[in-house]
C-alpha atoms as a PDB file:
ATOM      1  CA  MET A   1      77.736 332.576 108.710  1.00  0.00           C
ATOM      2  CA  ASN A   2      76.101 329.291 107.683  1.00  0.00           C
ATOM      3  CA  SER A   3      78.953 326.760 107.203  1.00  0.00           C
ATOM      4  CA  SER A   4      76.949 324.669 104.726  1.00  0.00           C
ATOM      5  CA  LYS A   5      76.996 327.623 102.343  1.00  0.00           C
ATOM      6  CA  LEU A   6      80.645 328.605 102.833  1.00  0.00           C
ATOM      7  CA  TYR A   7      81.420 327.974  99.150  1.00  0.00           C
ATOM      8  CA  ALA A   8      78.529 328.829  96.865  1.00  0.00           C
ATOM      9  CA  ASP A   9      79.723 326.622  93.972  1.00  0.00           C
ATOM     10  CA  ILE A  10      79.847 323.405  96.002  1.00  0.00           C
ATOM     11  CA  ASP A  11      76.858 321.065  96.097  1.00  0.00           C
ATOM     12  CA  TYR A  12      77.023 319.908  99.700  1.00  0.00           C
ATOM     13  CA  THR A  13      74.251 317.357  99.118  1.00  0.00           C
ATOM     14  CA  PHE A  14      76.236 315.429  96.468  1.00  0.00           C
ATOM     15  CA  LEU A  15      77.262 311.933  97.606  1.00  0.00           C
ATOM     16  CA  PRO A  16      79.351 310.044  95.030  1.00  0.00           C
ATOM     17  CA  THR A  17      78.293 306.409  94.802  1.00  0.00           C
ATOM     18  CA  SER A  18      81.889 305.246  94.371  1.00  0.00           C
ATOM     19  CA  TYR A  19      82.567 305.814  98.083  1.00  0.00           C
ATOM     20  CA  TRP A  20      79.925 303.326  99.099  1.00  0.00           C
ATOM     21  CA  ALA A  21      79.550 301.103  96.064  1.00  0.00           C
ATOM     22  CA  PRO A  22      80.144 297.401  96.641  1.00  0.00           C
ATOM     23  CA  PRO A  23      83.286 295.957  95.055  1.00  0.00           C
ATOM     24  CA  SER A  24      82.817 295.070  91.406  1.00  0.00           C
ATOM     25  CA  ASP A  25      84.380 291.605  91.786  1.00  0.00           C
ATOM     26  CA  VAL A  26      85.720 289.127  94.334  1.00  0.00           C
ATOM     27  CA  LEU A  27      89.360 290.113  93.860  1.00  0.00           C
ATOM     28  CA  GLU A  28      88.614 293.797  94.417  1.00  0.00           C
ATOM     29  CA  ALA A  29      86.699 292.906  97.578  1.00  0.00           C
ATOM     30  CA  ALA A  30      89.580 290.778  98.874  1.00  0.00           C
ATOM     31  CA  LEU A  31      92.196 293.456  98.169  1.00  0.00           C
ATOM     32  CA  ARG A  32      90.168 296.515  99.183  1.00  0.00           C
ATOM     33  CA  ASN A  33      91.807 297.187 102.571  1.00  0.00           C
ATOM     34  CA  VAL A  34      94.754 294.781 102.618  1.00  0.00           C
ATOM     35  CA  LYS A  35      98.046 296.488 103.391  1.00  0.00           C
ATOM     36  CA  GLY A  36     101.308 294.946 102.311  1.00  0.00           C
ATOM     37  CA  ARG A  37     102.535 294.207  98.817  1.00  0.00           C
ATOM     38  CA  ASN A  38     103.397 290.557  99.547  1.00  0.00           C
ATOM     39  CA  ARG A  39      99.959 289.698 100.909  1.00  0.00           C
ATOM     40  CA  ARG A  40      98.255 291.502  98.028  1.00  0.00           C
ATOM     41  CA  GLU A  41     100.349 289.480  95.557  1.00  0.00           C
ATOM     42  CA  MET A  42      99.565 286.263  97.451  1.00  0.00           C
ATOM     43  CA  ILE A  43      95.841 287.023  97.306  1.00  0.00           C
ATOM     44  CA  ARG A  44      96.077 287.717  93.557  1.00  0.00           C
ATOM     45  CA  ASP A  45      97.964 284.449  93.020  1.00  0.00           C
ATOM     46  CA  TYR A  46      95.324 282.456  94.907  1.00  0.00           C
ATOM     47  CA  TYR A  47      92.568 284.236  92.993  1.00  0.00           C
ATOM     48  CA  GLU A  48      94.167 283.590  89.597  1.00  0.00           C
ATOM     49  CA  ALA A  49      94.586 279.912  90.504  1.00  0.00           C
ATOM     50  CA  ASP A  50      90.875 279.820  91.480  1.00  0.00           C
ATOM     51  CA  GLN A  51      91.949 278.871  95.009  1.00  0.00           C
ATOM     52  CA  LEU A  52      90.932 281.992  96.972  1.00  0.00           C
ATOM     53  CA  GLU A  53      88.669 279.964  99.271  1.00  0.00           C
ATOM     54  CA  TYR A  54      91.760 278.065 100.502  1.00  0.00           C
ATOM     55  CA  LEU A  55      93.573 281.191 101.647  1.00  0.00           C
ATOM     56  CA  HIS A  56      93.435 281.541 105.429  1.00  0.00           C
ATOM     57  CA  PRO A  57      90.966 284.311 106.390  1.00  0.00           C
ATOM     58  CA  ASP A  58      93.518 285.899 108.748  1.00  0.00           C
ATOM     59  CA  LEU A  59      95.543 286.872 105.678  1.00  0.00           C
ATOM     60  CA  LEU A  60      92.627 288.910 104.306  1.00  0.00           C
ATOM     61  CA  VAL A  61      92.496 291.396 107.191  1.00  0.00           C
ATOM     62  CA  ALA A  62      93.547 295.004 106.602  1.00  0.00           C
ATOM     63  CA  SER A  63      96.646 294.840 108.826  1.00  0.00           C
ATOM     64  CA  LEU A  64      98.497 291.943 110.400  1.00  0.00           C
ATOM     65  CA  ASP A  65      99.586 292.124 114.004  1.00  0.00           C
ATOM     66  CA  THR A  66     103.325 291.948 114.714  1.00  0.00           C
ATOM     67  CA  GLU A  67     103.317 288.234 115.533  1.00  0.00           C
ATOM     68  CA  ALA A  68     101.449 287.278 112.350  1.00  0.00           C
ATOM     69  CA  ARG A  69     103.672 289.512 110.212  1.00  0.00           C
ATOM     70  CA  GLN A  70     106.828 287.952 111.689  1.00  0.00           C
ATOM     71  CA  SER A  71     105.427 284.445 111.295  1.00  0.00           C
ATOM     72  CA  LEU A  72     104.522 285.061 107.661  1.00  0.00           C
ATOM     73  CA  GLY A  73     107.977 286.527 107.014  1.00  0.00           C
ATOM     74  CA  ARG A  74     109.625 283.246 108.046  1.00  0.00           C
ATOM     75  CA  TYR A  75     108.313 281.422 104.960  1.00  0.00           C
END
């Protein structure tokens, strides 16, 4: 049995552009993979104040390591 034809009604060649489309704006790009409600809110606040370039780049990573998370939690 050919696995690419397992379900006759599925177009296996279809690739939705939304999976690979670039972010529509700077805020979406900054928030795309960031985990953590507090950091996402902080990024939004900086963006709304037109100060996003002043936010430390380490805060824009997807996940913080334990030390960075604990350090940020002290403030």
